[in-house]
Amino acid sequence: MSPRILRAADRTPVPWKNGGGFTREVATAPGGTDGFDWRVSLADVTTDGPFSAFPGIDRTLTVVEGAGMDLVVGGEHHIVDEPLWPHDFPGDRPTEGFLLSGPVVNLNVMYRRGRTRAETAVVCGTVRLMAPPGGAVLALSLDDGAVLDGTDIRLDRHDAVFAEGGPPGVLRTMGQAVVITFSDV
C-alpha cells in the first residue's frame, strides 16, 4: 500500500476522554475513541491533573515540547524530564501529571494489550521505514523539512507518513522524527 500523508493542519483539537484538556489525533486503527487497537495523538498539557483511564490499554508518552512532567502512575513517581524519551506505562492504572516548568506537548501512543504491540523510537537523520508483515508504521516529523526519498513529499512539523503492509520508503529528517511500528501480538 502506498503511504498516506497525515497533515498537522488537518487535525482538529478534541476534548480528552476525561474533559481535562485537548488532543489532536494523528491516526487510529480500526477507529473510534474506545474501540481502537492503537491510537497516536498529540496532547497539549497546560495544567496539572489526572490522565484519562483506558482499561486494557498500554501507553507510551513522549514529551516532544516543554520541560517535562512528574508522571505519577499507580502512586509511583516517574520524572519525565528527558525530552524525546519514550516512557511506557499501563493506561488503566490511576495516573496524574504534574508539570515541571510550564506547558508540554506529549505524543501519546496507545495500544490494546494482548492484541497489538507498539515500538516507539525517536530518530535523527535518515531512517528506512518498514511495516512488519500485517502491521503498520507511522513516522511523525518533529521539525520542518523531512522528505520521503524518491518523492516530492515534504513533511513539516507534526506532519506524519503512515503505511500498512509494506515499506513506505526512506525518511530523511532535517531534525528529528518519532517512528512507531505496530504489530499483532
N, C-alpha and C. Protein backbone atom coordinates (compact mmCIF):
# COMPACT_ATOMS: atom_id res chain seq x y z
N MET A 1 0.84 -1.17 0.00
CA MET A 1 0.00 0.00 0.00
C MET A 1 0.89 1.24 0.00
N SER A 2 0.52 2.24 -0.76
CA SER A 2 1.31 3.46 -0.80
C SER A 2 1.11 4.25 0.49
N PRO A 3 2.09 5.03 0.87
CA PRO A 3 2.00 5.78 2.12
C PRO A 3 0.92 6.86 2.06
N ARG A 4 0.32 7.10 3.21
CA ARG A 4 -0.63 8.22 3.36
C ARG A 4 0.07 9.31 4.14
N ILE A 5 -0.14 10.54 3.71
CA ILE A 5 0.42 11.69 4.41
C ILE A 5 -0.68 12.27 5.30
N LEU A 6 -0.37 12.47 6.56
CA LEU A 6 -1.31 12.97 7.55
C LEU A 6 -0.81 14.35 8.01
N ARG A 7 -1.46 15.38 7.52
CA ARG A 7 -1.02 16.75 7.77
C ARG A 7 -1.49 17.27 9.13
N ALA A 8 -0.58 17.93 9.83
CA ALA A 8 -0.90 18.52 11.13
C ALA A 8 -2.02 19.55 10.99
N ALA A 9 -2.03 20.29 9.90
CA ALA A 9 -3.03 21.34 9.69
C ALA A 9 -4.45 20.77 9.57
N ASP A 10 -4.58 19.48 9.27
CA ASP A 10 -5.90 18.86 9.12
C ASP A 10 -6.47 18.32 10.42
N ARG A 11 -5.73 18.40 11.51
CA ARG A 11 -6.17 17.83 12.79
C ARG A 11 -6.96 18.86 13.59
N THR A 12 -8.10 18.42 14.08
CA THR A 12 -8.96 19.27 14.90
C THR A 12 -8.78 18.88 16.37
N PRO A 13 -8.56 19.85 17.26
CA PRO A 13 -8.46 19.51 18.68
C PRO A 13 -9.80 18.95 19.19
N VAL A 14 -9.73 17.86 19.94
CA VAL A 14 -10.91 17.27 20.56
C VAL A 14 -10.66 17.12 22.06
N PRO A 15 -11.72 17.18 22.87
CA PRO A 15 -11.53 17.06 24.32
C PRO A 15 -11.00 15.69 24.71
N TRP A 16 -10.19 15.68 25.77
CA TRP A 16 -9.73 14.42 26.33
C TRP A 16 -10.94 13.64 26.82
N LYS A 17 -10.78 12.35 26.96
CA LYS A 17 -11.84 11.48 27.45
C LYS A 17 -12.36 11.98 28.81
N ASN A 18 -11.47 12.50 29.67
CA ASN A 18 -11.89 12.99 30.98
C ASN A 18 -12.24 14.48 30.97
N GLY A 19 -12.17 15.13 29.81
CA GLY A 19 -12.53 16.54 29.70
C GLY A 19 -11.48 17.51 30.22
N GLY A 20 -10.30 17.03 30.62
CA GLY A 20 -9.30 17.88 31.25
C GLY A 20 -8.39 18.64 30.30
N GLY A 21 -8.52 18.45 29.01
CA GLY A 21 -7.66 19.13 28.05
C GLY A 21 -8.05 18.75 26.64
N PHE A 22 -7.12 18.98 25.70
CA PHE A 22 -7.40 18.71 24.29
C PHE A 22 -6.27 17.90 23.67
N THR A 23 -6.63 17.11 22.67
CA THR A 23 -5.68 16.32 21.92
C THR A 23 -5.99 16.44 20.43
N ARG A 24 -4.98 16.17 19.63
CA ARG A 24 -5.15 16.14 18.18
C ARG A 24 -4.74 14.74 17.72
N GLU A 25 -5.73 13.97 17.24
CA GLU A 25 -5.46 12.60 16.83
C GLU A 25 -4.68 12.59 15.52
N VAL A 26 -3.58 11.85 15.51
CA VAL A 26 -2.75 11.69 14.32
C VAL A 26 -3.29 10.53 13.48
N ALA A 27 -3.52 9.38 14.13
CA ALA A 27 -4.04 8.20 13.43
C ALA A 27 -4.57 7.21 14.46
N THR A 28 -5.49 6.37 14.02
CA THR A 28 -6.05 5.33 14.88
C THR A 28 -6.48 4.15 14.02
N ALA A 29 -6.48 2.96 14.63
CA ALA A 29 -6.96 1.78 13.92
C ALA A 29 -7.64 0.86 14.92
N PRO A 30 -8.75 0.28 14.66
CA PRO A 30 -9.52 0.47 13.45
C PRO A 30 -10.36 1.74 13.45
N GLY A 31 -10.37 2.51 14.53
CA GLY A 31 -11.11 3.77 14.56
C GLY A 31 -11.93 3.86 15.82
N GLY A 32 -12.32 5.08 16.15
CA GLY A 32 -13.13 5.31 17.34
C GLY A 32 -12.29 5.53 18.58
N THR A 33 -12.83 6.28 19.52
CA THR A 33 -12.11 6.64 20.74
C THR A 33 -11.90 5.46 21.66
N ASP A 34 -12.90 4.58 21.79
CA ASP A 34 -12.80 3.48 22.75
C ASP A 34 -12.50 2.13 22.12
N GLY A 35 -12.83 1.93 20.85
CA GLY A 35 -12.69 0.62 20.23
C GLY A 35 -11.42 0.42 19.44
N PHE A 36 -10.42 1.25 19.63
CA PHE A 36 -9.21 1.17 18.81
C PHE A 36 -8.31 0.01 19.23
N ASP A 37 -7.51 -0.47 18.28
CA ASP A 37 -6.40 -1.37 18.60
C ASP A 37 -5.16 -0.55 18.93
N TRP A 38 -5.01 0.57 18.23
CA TRP A 38 -3.93 1.52 18.54
C TRP A 38 -4.37 2.92 18.16
N ARG A 39 -3.72 3.90 18.80
CA ARG A 39 -4.05 5.30 18.56
C ARG A 39 -2.81 6.15 18.84
N VAL A 40 -2.58 7.15 17.99
CA VAL A 40 -1.47 8.09 18.18
C VAL A 40 -2.07 9.49 18.19
N SER A 41 -1.68 10.30 19.19
CA SER A 41 -2.20 11.66 19.27
C SER A 41 -1.17 12.58 19.91
N LEU A 42 -1.37 13.87 19.69
CA LEU A 42 -0.57 14.91 20.32
C LEU A 42 -1.45 15.66 21.30
N ALA A 43 -1.02 15.77 22.55
CA ALA A 43 -1.82 16.42 23.58
C ALA A 43 -1.11 17.66 24.10
N ASP A 44 -1.86 18.75 24.19
CA ASP A 44 -1.36 19.96 24.84
C ASP A 44 -1.71 19.86 26.31
N VAL A 45 -0.70 19.85 27.17
CA VAL A 45 -0.92 19.77 28.61
C VAL A 45 -0.52 21.12 29.21
N THR A 46 -1.51 21.83 29.72
CA THR A 46 -1.27 23.18 30.23
C THR A 46 -1.43 23.29 31.74
N THR A 47 -2.00 22.25 32.37
CA THR A 47 -2.19 22.26 33.82
C THR A 47 -1.94 20.86 34.38
N ASP A 48 -1.68 20.81 35.68
CA ASP A 48 -1.55 19.54 36.37
C ASP A 48 -2.92 18.86 36.41
N GLY A 49 -2.92 17.52 36.44
CA GLY A 49 -4.19 16.84 36.59
C GLY A 49 -4.14 15.38 36.22
N PRO A 50 -5.30 14.72 36.36
CA PRO A 50 -5.37 13.28 36.09
C PRO A 50 -5.38 12.98 34.60
N PHE A 51 -4.87 11.81 34.26
CA PHE A 51 -4.95 11.29 32.90
C PHE A 51 -6.25 10.50 32.78
N SER A 52 -6.77 10.40 31.58
CA SER A 52 -7.93 9.56 31.32
C SER A 52 -7.54 8.10 31.50
N ALA A 53 -8.47 7.31 32.04
CA ALA A 53 -8.24 5.88 32.19
C ALA A 53 -8.62 5.16 30.90
N PHE A 54 -7.78 4.23 30.48
CA PHE A 54 -8.03 3.41 29.30
C PHE A 54 -7.81 1.95 29.68
N PRO A 55 -8.87 1.26 30.14
CA PRO A 55 -8.74 -0.15 30.53
C PRO A 55 -8.23 -1.01 29.38
N GLY A 56 -7.26 -1.90 29.70
CA GLY A 56 -6.72 -2.82 28.71
C GLY A 56 -5.77 -2.20 27.71
N ILE A 57 -5.36 -0.96 27.95
CA ILE A 57 -4.50 -0.23 27.01
C ILE A 57 -3.14 0.04 27.65
N ASP A 58 -2.07 -0.20 26.90
CA ASP A 58 -0.74 0.23 27.31
C ASP A 58 -0.43 1.53 26.58
N ARG A 59 0.39 2.37 27.20
CA ARG A 59 0.67 3.69 26.65
C ARG A 59 2.17 3.95 26.59
N THR A 60 2.55 4.77 25.62
CA THR A 60 3.90 5.32 25.56
C THR A 60 3.75 6.82 25.42
N LEU A 61 4.32 7.56 26.35
CA LEU A 61 4.26 9.02 26.36
C LEU A 61 5.66 9.55 26.04
N THR A 62 5.72 10.46 25.07
CA THR A 62 6.99 11.11 24.72
C THR A 62 6.76 12.61 24.76
N VAL A 63 7.48 13.31 25.63
CA VAL A 63 7.40 14.77 25.67
C VAL A 63 8.14 15.29 24.44
N VAL A 64 7.42 15.97 23.54
CA VAL A 64 8.04 16.49 22.33
C VAL A 64 8.27 18.00 22.40
N GLU A 65 7.65 18.67 23.36
CA GLU A 65 7.90 20.09 23.60
C GLU A 65 7.71 20.37 25.08
N GLY A 66 8.55 21.22 25.64
CA GLY A 66 8.43 21.61 27.04
C GLY A 66 9.42 20.89 27.93
N ALA A 67 9.39 21.28 29.23
CA ALA A 67 10.37 20.81 30.20
C ALA A 67 10.08 19.43 30.75
N GLY A 68 8.85 18.96 30.63
CA GLY A 68 8.54 17.61 31.12
C GLY A 68 7.54 17.64 32.26
N MET A 69 7.37 16.47 32.85
CA MET A 69 6.38 16.33 33.91
C MET A 69 6.76 15.23 34.89
N ASP A 70 6.16 15.33 36.07
CA ASP A 70 6.22 14.25 37.05
C ASP A 70 4.99 13.41 36.77
N LEU A 71 5.19 12.22 36.24
CA LEU A 71 4.11 11.32 35.89
C LEU A 71 3.95 10.34 37.04
N VAL A 72 2.81 10.39 37.70
CA VAL A 72 2.54 9.53 38.85
C VAL A 72 1.58 8.43 38.38
N VAL A 73 2.11 7.20 38.28
CA VAL A 73 1.36 6.06 37.77
C VAL A 73 1.16 5.08 38.92
N GLY A 74 -0.10 4.89 39.33
CA GLY A 74 -0.40 3.98 40.43
C GLY A 74 0.34 4.36 41.70
N GLY A 75 0.53 5.66 41.95
CA GLY A 75 1.22 6.15 43.14
C GLY A 75 2.73 6.21 43.02
N GLU A 76 3.28 5.74 41.92
CA GLU A 76 4.74 5.73 41.72
C GLU A 76 5.15 6.90 40.83
N HIS A 77 6.12 7.69 41.29
CA HIS A 77 6.58 8.87 40.55
C HIS A 77 7.59 8.49 39.47
N HIS A 78 7.41 9.08 38.30
CA HIS A 78 8.34 8.93 37.18
C HIS A 78 8.61 10.34 36.67
N ILE A 79 9.81 10.83 36.87
CA ILE A 79 10.15 12.16 36.38
C ILE A 79 10.49 12.03 34.90
N VAL A 80 9.63 12.60 34.06
CA VAL A 80 9.79 12.53 32.61
C VAL A 80 10.30 13.90 32.17
N ASP A 81 11.60 14.11 32.35
CA ASP A 81 12.19 15.41 32.05
C ASP A 81 13.23 15.33 30.94
N GLU A 82 13.43 14.15 30.41
CA GLU A 82 14.35 13.98 29.28
C GLU A 82 13.53 14.16 28.00
N PRO A 83 13.78 15.22 27.24
CA PRO A 83 12.99 15.41 26.03
C PRO A 83 13.18 14.27 25.05
N LEU A 84 12.10 13.91 24.39
CA LEU A 84 12.11 12.92 23.33
C LEU A 84 12.52 11.52 23.81
N TRP A 85 12.16 11.20 25.06
CA TRP A 85 12.47 9.90 25.62
C TRP A 85 11.15 9.18 25.87
N PRO A 86 10.81 8.15 25.06
CA PRO A 86 9.54 7.44 25.23
C PRO A 86 9.46 6.76 26.60
N HIS A 87 8.31 6.92 27.24
CA HIS A 87 8.08 6.35 28.57
C HIS A 87 6.81 5.49 28.53
N ASP A 88 6.94 4.20 28.84
CA ASP A 88 5.82 3.26 28.80
C ASP A 88 5.14 3.16 30.16
N PHE A 89 3.80 3.01 30.15
CA PHE A 89 3.05 2.77 31.38
C PHE A 89 1.67 2.20 31.02
N PRO A 90 1.05 1.48 31.96
CA PRO A 90 -0.27 0.92 31.71
C PRO A 90 -1.34 2.02 31.77
N GLY A 91 -2.21 2.06 30.77
CA GLY A 91 -3.22 3.10 30.69
C GLY A 91 -4.40 2.90 31.61
N ASP A 92 -4.46 1.75 32.30
CA ASP A 92 -5.59 1.51 33.18
C ASP A 92 -5.24 1.73 34.65
N ARG A 93 -4.02 2.15 34.95
CA ARG A 93 -3.65 2.49 36.33
C ARG A 93 -3.93 3.97 36.56
N PRO A 94 -4.37 4.35 37.75
CA PRO A 94 -4.60 5.78 38.03
C PRO A 94 -3.31 6.56 37.77
N THR A 95 -3.42 7.60 36.93
CA THR A 95 -2.24 8.36 36.51
C THR A 95 -2.53 9.85 36.59
N GLU A 96 -1.56 10.59 37.13
CA GLU A 96 -1.64 12.05 37.17
C GLU A 96 -0.35 12.62 36.63
N GLY A 97 -0.45 13.81 36.05
CA GLY A 97 0.72 14.50 35.54
C GLY A 97 0.87 15.85 36.21
N PHE A 98 2.10 16.16 36.64
CA PHE A 98 2.40 17.45 37.26
C PHE A 98 3.52 18.10 36.45
N LEU A 99 3.23 19.24 35.87
CA LEU A 99 4.18 19.94 35.00
C LEU A 99 5.40 20.39 35.80
N LEU A 100 6.58 20.23 35.23
CA LEU A 100 7.82 20.63 35.91
C LEU A 100 8.09 22.12 35.77
N SER A 101 7.81 22.67 34.57
CA SER A 101 8.09 24.09 34.35
C SER A 101 7.33 24.56 33.11
N GLY A 102 6.03 24.68 33.23
CA GLY A 102 5.22 25.18 32.13
C GLY A 102 4.64 24.08 31.28
N PRO A 103 3.85 24.47 30.27
CA PRO A 103 3.13 23.52 29.42
C PRO A 103 4.06 22.60 28.64
N VAL A 104 3.50 21.45 28.25
CA VAL A 104 4.22 20.49 27.41
C VAL A 104 3.29 20.02 26.30
N VAL A 105 3.89 19.47 25.26
CA VAL A 105 3.15 18.73 24.23
C VAL A 105 3.65 17.30 24.31
N ASN A 106 2.72 16.38 24.51
CA ASN A 106 3.05 14.96 24.61
C ASN A 106 2.58 14.22 23.37
N LEU A 107 3.42 13.35 22.85
CA LEU A 107 2.99 12.40 21.84
C LEU A 107 2.56 11.16 22.60
N ASN A 108 1.31 10.76 22.41
CA ASN A 108 0.75 9.60 23.09
C ASN A 108 0.54 8.47 22.09
N VAL A 109 1.10 7.31 22.41
CA VAL A 109 0.86 6.10 21.64
C VAL A 109 0.13 5.16 22.58
N MET A 110 -1.08 4.74 22.17
CA MET A 110 -1.88 3.82 22.97
C MET A 110 -2.16 2.57 22.15
N TYR A 111 -2.06 1.41 22.78
CA TYR A 111 -2.26 0.17 22.05
C TYR A 111 -2.88 -0.88 22.97
N ARG A 112 -3.79 -1.67 22.40
CA ARG A 112 -4.56 -2.65 23.15
C ARG A 112 -3.68 -3.82 23.57
N ARG A 113 -3.59 -4.00 24.88
CA ARG A 113 -2.78 -5.06 25.47
C ARG A 113 -3.29 -6.43 25.01
N GLY A 114 -2.35 -7.30 24.64
CA GLY A 114 -2.69 -8.66 24.23
C GLY A 114 -3.11 -8.77 22.77
N ARG A 115 -3.31 -7.64 22.10
CA ARG A 115 -3.72 -7.68 20.69
C ARG A 115 -2.70 -6.99 19.78
N THR A 116 -2.13 -5.89 20.27
CA THR A 116 -1.22 -5.07 19.46
C THR A 116 0.03 -4.75 20.28
N ARG A 117 1.13 -4.63 19.58
CA ARG A 117 2.38 -4.17 20.20
C ARG A 117 2.82 -2.93 19.44
N ALA A 118 3.33 -1.94 20.16
CA ALA A 118 3.84 -0.71 19.54
C ALA A 118 5.26 -0.46 20.04
N GLU A 119 6.13 -0.14 19.11
CA GLU A 119 7.51 0.23 19.46
C GLU A 119 7.73 1.65 18.99
N THR A 120 8.17 2.50 19.91
CA THR A 120 8.34 3.93 19.64
C THR A 120 9.82 4.28 19.73
N ALA A 121 10.32 4.98 18.71
CA ALA A 121 11.72 5.41 18.70
C ALA A 121 11.81 6.82 18.14
N VAL A 122 12.68 7.62 18.72
CA VAL A 122 12.98 8.95 18.19
C VAL A 122 14.25 8.82 17.37
N VAL A 123 14.20 9.32 16.13
CA VAL A 123 15.32 9.19 15.21
C VAL A 123 15.75 10.56 14.71
N CYS A 124 16.99 10.61 14.25
CA CYS A 124 17.56 11.84 13.68
C CYS A 124 18.30 11.43 12.42
N GLY A 125 18.06 12.17 11.34
CA GLY A 125 18.76 11.86 10.10
C GLY A 125 17.93 11.02 9.17
N THR A 126 18.49 9.90 8.73
CA THR A 126 17.86 9.05 7.72
C THR A 126 17.45 7.72 8.32
N VAL A 127 16.21 7.30 8.01
CA VAL A 127 15.72 6.02 8.53
C VAL A 127 14.86 5.35 7.48
N ARG A 128 15.06 4.03 7.30
CA ARG A 128 14.21 3.24 6.41
C ARG A 128 12.98 2.84 7.21
N LEU A 129 11.81 3.22 6.72
CA LEU A 129 10.55 2.90 7.38
C LEU A 129 10.08 1.53 6.90
N MET A 130 9.83 0.62 7.83
CA MET A 130 9.41 -0.73 7.48
C MET A 130 8.22 -1.13 8.35
N ALA A 131 7.12 -1.48 7.71
CA ALA A 131 5.98 -2.04 8.43
C ALA A 131 6.17 -3.55 8.51
N PRO A 132 6.00 -4.14 9.70
CA PRO A 132 6.12 -5.60 9.79
C PRO A 132 4.97 -6.28 9.04
N PRO A 133 5.09 -7.55 8.67
CA PRO A 133 4.00 -8.24 7.99
C PRO A 133 2.71 -8.13 8.81
N GLY A 134 1.66 -7.66 8.17
CA GLY A 134 0.37 -7.48 8.84
C GLY A 134 0.31 -6.28 9.76
N GLY A 135 1.39 -5.52 9.83
CA GLY A 135 1.45 -4.38 10.73
C GLY A 135 1.45 -3.06 10.01
N ALA A 136 1.89 -2.03 10.71
CA ALA A 136 1.89 -0.67 10.17
C ALA A 136 3.07 0.10 10.75
N VAL A 137 3.42 1.19 10.07
CA VAL A 137 4.45 2.09 10.56
C VAL A 137 3.96 3.52 10.37
N LEU A 138 4.24 4.36 11.37
CA LEU A 138 3.89 5.78 11.32
C LEU A 138 5.12 6.56 11.74
N ALA A 139 5.48 7.57 10.96
CA ALA A 139 6.59 8.46 11.31
C ALA A 139 6.05 9.88 11.38
N LEU A 140 6.29 10.55 12.51
CA LEU A 140 5.83 11.91 12.74
C LEU A 140 7.04 12.83 12.81
N SER A 141 7.09 13.82 11.93
CA SER A 141 8.22 14.75 11.90
C SER A 141 8.09 15.75 13.05
N LEU A 142 9.18 15.95 13.76
CA LEU A 142 9.18 16.92 14.86
C LEU A 142 9.69 18.28 14.42
N ASP A 143 10.19 18.37 13.20
CA ASP A 143 10.73 19.61 12.67
C ASP A 143 10.27 19.78 11.22
N ASP A 144 10.41 20.96 10.68
CA ASP A 144 10.09 21.20 9.28
C ASP A 144 11.15 20.56 8.39
N GLY A 145 10.73 20.13 7.19
CA GLY A 145 11.68 19.77 6.16
C GLY A 145 12.02 18.32 5.98
N ALA A 146 11.32 17.38 6.63
CA ALA A 146 11.59 15.97 6.38
C ALA A 146 11.06 15.62 4.98
N VAL A 147 11.72 14.70 4.31
CA VAL A 147 11.29 14.29 2.97
C VAL A 147 11.29 12.77 2.88
N LEU A 148 10.38 12.26 2.03
CA LEU A 148 10.33 10.84 1.73
C LEU A 148 11.10 10.66 0.43
N ASP A 149 12.22 9.92 0.50
CA ASP A 149 13.09 9.73 -0.67
C ASP A 149 12.31 9.25 -1.89
N GLY A 150 12.72 9.77 -3.05
CA GLY A 150 12.13 9.35 -4.30
C GLY A 150 10.76 9.94 -4.57
N THR A 151 10.32 10.87 -3.74
CA THR A 151 9.02 11.51 -3.93
C THR A 151 9.19 13.01 -3.76
N ASP A 152 8.14 13.75 -4.02
CA ASP A 152 8.16 15.18 -3.73
C ASP A 152 7.42 15.47 -2.42
N ILE A 153 7.26 14.42 -1.60
CA ILE A 153 6.56 14.56 -0.33
C ILE A 153 7.48 15.19 0.70
N ARG A 154 7.00 16.29 1.26
CA ARG A 154 7.72 17.01 2.31
C ARG A 154 6.85 17.02 3.55
N LEU A 155 7.46 16.71 4.70
CA LEU A 155 6.75 16.74 5.97
C LEU A 155 7.25 17.91 6.79
N ASP A 156 6.31 18.73 7.23
CA ASP A 156 6.65 19.81 8.13
C ASP A 156 6.36 19.38 9.57
N ARG A 157 6.56 20.29 10.50
CA ARG A 157 6.41 19.99 11.93
C ARG A 157 5.06 19.34 12.21
N HIS A 158 5.10 18.15 12.80
CA HIS A 158 3.96 17.34 13.24
C HIS A 158 3.17 16.70 12.10
N ASP A 159 3.63 16.84 10.84
CA ASP A 159 3.07 16.04 9.75
C ASP A 159 3.55 14.61 9.93
N ALA A 160 2.80 13.66 9.38
CA ALA A 160 3.17 12.25 9.54
C ALA A 160 3.00 11.51 8.22
N VAL A 161 3.72 10.38 8.10
CA VAL A 161 3.54 9.45 6.99
C VAL A 161 3.17 8.12 7.61
N PHE A 162 2.18 7.44 7.00
CA PHE A 162 1.65 6.18 7.54
C PHE A 162 1.57 5.15 6.42
N ALA A 163 1.94 3.90 6.73
CA ALA A 163 1.83 2.82 5.75
C ALA A 163 1.56 1.50 6.45
N GLU A 164 0.78 0.67 5.77
CA GLU A 164 0.49 -0.68 6.22
C GLU A 164 1.00 -1.66 5.17
N GLY A 165 1.48 -2.80 5.63
CA GLY A 165 1.78 -3.90 4.73
C GLY A 165 2.90 -3.69 3.75
N GLY A 166 3.76 -2.77 3.98
CA GLY A 166 4.88 -2.59 3.06
C GLY A 166 5.71 -1.40 3.44
N PRO A 167 6.89 -1.30 2.87
CA PRO A 167 7.76 -0.18 3.21
C PRO A 167 7.36 1.09 2.46
N PRO A 168 7.11 2.19 3.19
CA PRO A 168 6.82 3.45 2.51
C PRO A 168 8.07 4.12 1.98
N GLY A 169 9.25 3.64 2.37
CA GLY A 169 10.47 4.22 1.85
C GLY A 169 11.43 4.68 2.92
N VAL A 170 12.26 5.62 2.53
CA VAL A 170 13.29 6.17 3.41
C VAL A 170 12.90 7.60 3.76
N LEU A 171 12.90 7.90 5.05
CA LEU A 171 12.60 9.23 5.54
C LEU A 171 13.90 9.93 5.89
N ARG A 172 14.08 11.13 5.35
CA ARG A 172 15.25 11.96 5.67
C ARG A 172 14.76 13.18 6.43
N THR A 173 15.22 13.29 7.67
CA THR A 173 14.78 14.40 8.51
C THR A 173 15.81 15.52 8.50
N MET A 174 15.32 16.73 8.70
CA MET A 174 16.21 17.88 8.88
C MET A 174 16.46 18.08 10.37
N GLY A 175 15.80 17.29 11.17
CA GLY A 175 15.92 17.33 12.62
C GLY A 175 15.61 15.95 13.17
N GLN A 176 14.45 15.84 13.82
CA GLN A 176 14.09 14.57 14.43
C GLN A 176 12.68 14.16 14.02
N ALA A 177 12.41 12.86 14.19
CA ALA A 177 11.10 12.30 13.94
C ALA A 177 10.86 11.18 14.94
N VAL A 178 9.59 10.89 15.18
CA VAL A 178 9.21 9.74 16.01
C VAL A 178 8.69 8.67 15.06
N VAL A 179 9.23 7.46 15.18
CA VAL A 179 8.80 6.34 14.36
C VAL A 179 8.13 5.32 15.27
N ILE A 180 6.89 4.96 14.92
CA ILE A 180 6.12 3.99 15.70
C ILE A 180 5.80 2.81 14.78
N THR A 181 6.15 1.62 15.22
CA THR A 181 5.89 0.40 14.48
C THR A 181 4.85 -0.41 15.24
N PHE A 182 3.76 -0.78 14.54
CA PHE A 182 2.68 -1.54 15.15
C PHE A 182 2.69 -2.95 14.57
N SER A 183 2.52 -3.94 15.47
CA SER A 183 2.43 -5.33 15.01
C SER A 183 1.42 -6.07 15.89
N ASP A 184 0.89 -7.16 15.33
CA ASP A 184 -0.03 -8.01 16.10
C ASP A 184 0.78 -8.79 17.12
N VAL A 185 0.15 -9.12 18.22
CA VAL A 185 0.80 -9.91 19.26
C VAL A 185 0.71 -11.36 18.90
